[in-house]
Amino acid sequence: MALRTTYETVGVRFGLLTIIIGHATFCIVVVYNNAQARLRRVSGSLEQASADLGADSWQTFRYVTFPQMRTALLAGALLAFALSWDEVVVTIFTAGAQQTLPIWIFANLFRPVAQPVVNVVALFVIVMSLIPVWLAQRLTAERTGGLPGADAR
C-alpha cells in the first residue's frame, strides 16, 4: 500500500513498470539473504591470498568472490522468481488496469463456470513455482562425500 501511495503521490502511471518495481522491491530481500548467508560461509583467507598475490579489489571480486557467490545469487534469483510468480497482493496494488495471471486467477476464483479453467491454471502456477525452488535447492546443496573410491569410515 505504501508503494501504491508513493506512485500516486509522485504521479506515476500504473502499468508493467510499476509491477516490476513492486516485485523487485518485494523479492530483493530473498536474494540478499541468500547472498549474505553464502558470504558468511566463504573463507576470508582466499581473498587475503588474492591480495597477497597482487590482485586489486576488482580482480579479487571477479576471480575469487564472485565464483563462490554465483550459485547463491542464482538460487536467490530463482527463489525470488518463484515468490514473484504467484504474488497476487503486490500485483493488485501496483498493476492499475493491467490484467496479469495472478489477478485473472483471483478474479475468476469464485465463478463456478470458470472453475475448471482456474483449477488447471492454478495447478500450472504451482508447478511453475516449484521448479525454480527445486533448481535453487539443487544448486545450493552442499556437496557431501569424500573422494571417489575413498572409504568414509
Protein backbone atom coordinates (compact mmCIF):
# COMPACT_ATOMS: atom_id res chain seq x y z
CA MET A 1 0.00 0.00 0.00
CA ALA A 2 2.91 2.32 0.73
CA LEU A 3 4.33 1.73 -2.75
CA ARG A 4 0.95 2.43 -4.35
CA THR A 5 0.62 5.63 -2.33
CA THR A 6 4.10 6.68 -3.41
CA TYR A 7 3.24 6.04 -7.06
CA GLU A 8 0.07 8.11 -6.75
CA THR A 9 1.87 10.95 -4.92
CA VAL A 10 4.65 11.15 -7.49
CA GLY A 11 2.19 10.80 -10.36
CA VAL A 12 3.50 7.56 -11.88
CA ARG A 13 1.05 5.80 -14.19
CA PHE A 14 0.33 2.21 -13.22
CA GLY A 15 1.48 -0.44 -15.63
CA LEU A 16 4.11 -3.08 -16.24
CA LEU A 17 6.94 -0.91 -14.88
CA THR A 18 5.17 -0.35 -11.55
CA ILE A 19 4.53 -4.10 -11.27
CA ILE A 20 8.22 -4.85 -11.92
CA ILE A 21 9.37 -2.27 -9.36
CA GLY A 22 6.91 -3.65 -6.79
CA HIS A 23 8.02 -7.23 -7.28
CA ALA A 24 11.70 -6.27 -7.28
CA THR A 25 11.20 -4.39 -4.01
CA PHE A 26 9.37 -7.37 -2.56
CA CYS A 27 11.85 -10.05 -3.72
CA ILE A 28 15.24 -8.34 -3.35
CA VAL A 29 15.29 -9.49 0.27
CA VAL A 30 15.33 -13.14 -0.80
CA VAL A 31 18.39 -12.64 -2.99
CA TYR A 32 20.09 -10.55 -0.31
CA ASN A 33 19.53 -13.13 2.43
CA ASN A 34 20.82 -15.92 0.20
CA ALA A 35 23.93 -13.94 -0.73
CA GLN A 36 24.54 -12.89 2.89
CA ALA A 37 24.34 -16.49 4.08
CA ARG A 38 26.87 -17.55 1.46
CA LEU A 39 29.22 -14.67 2.31
CA ARG A 40 29.24 -15.77 5.92
CA ARG A 41 30.41 -19.25 4.88
CA VAL A 42 33.12 -18.02 2.50
CA SER A 43 36.61 -18.06 3.93
CA GLY A 44 38.35 -14.70 4.05
CA SER A 45 41.72 -16.35 3.59
CA LEU A 46 41.12 -16.74 -0.17
CA GLU A 47 40.60 -13.00 -0.55
CA GLN A 48 43.68 -12.30 1.56
CA ALA A 49 45.70 -14.69 -0.58
CA SER A 50 44.47 -12.92 -3.69
CA ALA A 51 45.59 -9.57 -2.26
CA ASP A 52 48.96 -11.07 -1.26
CA LEU A 53 49.46 -12.22 -4.84
CA GLY A 54 48.95 -8.67 -6.12
CA ALA A 55 45.33 -8.66 -7.24
CA ASP A 56 43.36 -5.46 -6.81
CA SER A 57 39.89 -5.47 -5.28
CA TRP A 58 38.12 -5.77 -8.65
CA GLN A 59 40.21 -8.77 -9.67
CA THR A 60 39.65 -10.38 -6.26
CA PHE A 61 35.92 -9.93 -6.65
CA ARG A 62 35.91 -11.19 -10.24
CA TYR A 63 38.12 -14.25 -9.80
CA VAL A 64 37.62 -15.23 -6.14
CA THR A 65 34.46 -13.85 -4.55
CA PHE A 66 32.00 -13.93 -7.45
CA PRO A 67 32.65 -17.57 -8.44
CA GLN A 68 31.89 -18.57 -4.86
CA MET A 69 28.75 -16.41 -4.84
CA ARG A 70 27.41 -17.40 -8.27
CA THR A 71 25.23 -20.32 -7.20
CA ALA A 72 23.85 -18.42 -4.20
CA LEU A 73 22.87 -15.48 -6.41
CA LEU A 74 21.29 -17.78 -8.98
CA ALA A 75 19.41 -19.68 -6.30
CA GLY A 76 18.23 -16.41 -4.77
CA ALA A 77 17.04 -15.22 -8.18
CA LEU A 78 15.17 -18.48 -8.77
CA LEU A 79 13.54 -18.28 -5.35
CA ALA A 80 12.61 -14.64 -5.96
CA PHE A 81 11.05 -15.64 -9.27
CA ALA A 82 9.06 -18.38 -7.59
CA LEU A 83 7.78 -15.93 -4.97
CA SER A 84 7.02 -13.27 -7.53
CA TRP A 85 5.29 -15.67 -9.91
CA ASP A 86 2.24 -16.12 -7.69
CA GLU A 87 2.33 -12.94 -5.61
CA VAL A 88 -1.14 -11.52 -6.09
CA VAL A 89 -1.18 -8.84 -3.38
CA VAL A 90 1.77 -6.83 -4.73
CA THR A 91 0.39 -7.19 -8.25
CA ILE A 92 -3.07 -5.96 -7.30
CA PHE A 93 -1.70 -2.86 -5.61
CA THR A 94 0.75 -1.94 -8.37
CA ALA A 95 -1.00 -3.06 -11.57
CA GLY A 96 -3.65 -0.44 -12.13
CA ALA A 97 -5.72 -1.60 -15.11
CA GLN A 98 -3.20 -4.26 -16.17
CA GLN A 99 -4.53 -7.83 -16.28
CA THR A 100 -1.87 -10.28 -15.10
CA LEU A 101 -2.16 -14.01 -14.43
CA PRO A 102 -2.46 -13.72 -10.62
CA ILE A 103 -5.12 -11.03 -10.99
CA TRP A 104 -7.02 -13.17 -13.53
CA ILE A 105 -6.94 -16.19 -11.21
CA PHE A 106 -8.07 -14.09 -8.26
CA ALA A 107 -10.90 -12.50 -10.28
CA ASN A 108 -12.17 -15.85 -11.61
CA LEU A 109 -11.68 -17.87 -8.44
CA PHE A 110 -15.29 -17.74 -7.28
CA ARG A 111 -17.00 -18.03 -10.68
CA PRO A 112 -18.42 -21.55 -10.99
CA VAL A 113 -18.40 -21.52 -14.81
CA ALA A 114 -14.65 -20.81 -14.96
CA GLN A 115 -13.74 -23.13 -12.10
CA PRO A 116 -12.18 -25.95 -14.20
CA VAL A 117 -10.04 -23.49 -16.17
CA VAL A 118 -8.95 -21.72 -12.98
CA ASN A 119 -8.02 -25.06 -11.42
CA VAL A 120 -5.84 -26.02 -14.38
CA VAL A 121 -4.15 -22.61 -14.45
CA ALA A 122 -3.60 -22.71 -10.68
CA LEU A 123 -2.01 -26.16 -10.99
CA PHE A 124 0.26 -24.78 -13.72
CA VAL A 125 1.25 -21.87 -11.45
CA ILE A 126 2.02 -24.26 -8.59
CA VAL A 127 4.21 -26.46 -10.79
CA MET A 128 5.97 -23.44 -12.28
CA SER A 129 6.60 -22.17 -8.74
CA LEU A 130 8.09 -25.47 -7.59
CA ILE A 131 10.56 -25.84 -10.46
CA PRO A 132 12.70 -22.78 -9.54
CA VAL A 133 12.63 -23.75 -5.87
CA TRP A 134 13.82 -27.27 -6.74
CA LEU A 135 16.54 -25.86 -9.01
CA ALA A 136 17.67 -23.45 -6.29
CA GLN A 137 17.85 -26.27 -3.78
CA ARG A 138 19.90 -28.39 -6.18
CA LEU A 139 22.28 -25.53 -6.94
CA THR A 140 22.97 -24.61 -3.33
CA ALA A 141 23.06 -28.13 -1.87
CA GLU A 142 26.29 -28.91 -0.08
CA ARG A 143 28.38 -31.48 -1.87
CA THR A 144 28.80 -34.34 0.58
CA GLY A 145 31.03 -37.32 0.31
CA GLY A 146 34.74 -37.75 0.01
CA LEU A 147 37.00 -38.54 -2.85
CA PRO A 148 35.85 -41.17 -5.33
CA GLY A 149 36.91 -44.61 -4.13
CA ALA A 150 37.73 -43.45 -0.57
CA ASP A 151 36.17 -45.14 2.45
CA ALA A 152 34.05 -42.89 4.63
CA ARG A 153 34.77 -44.52 7.98
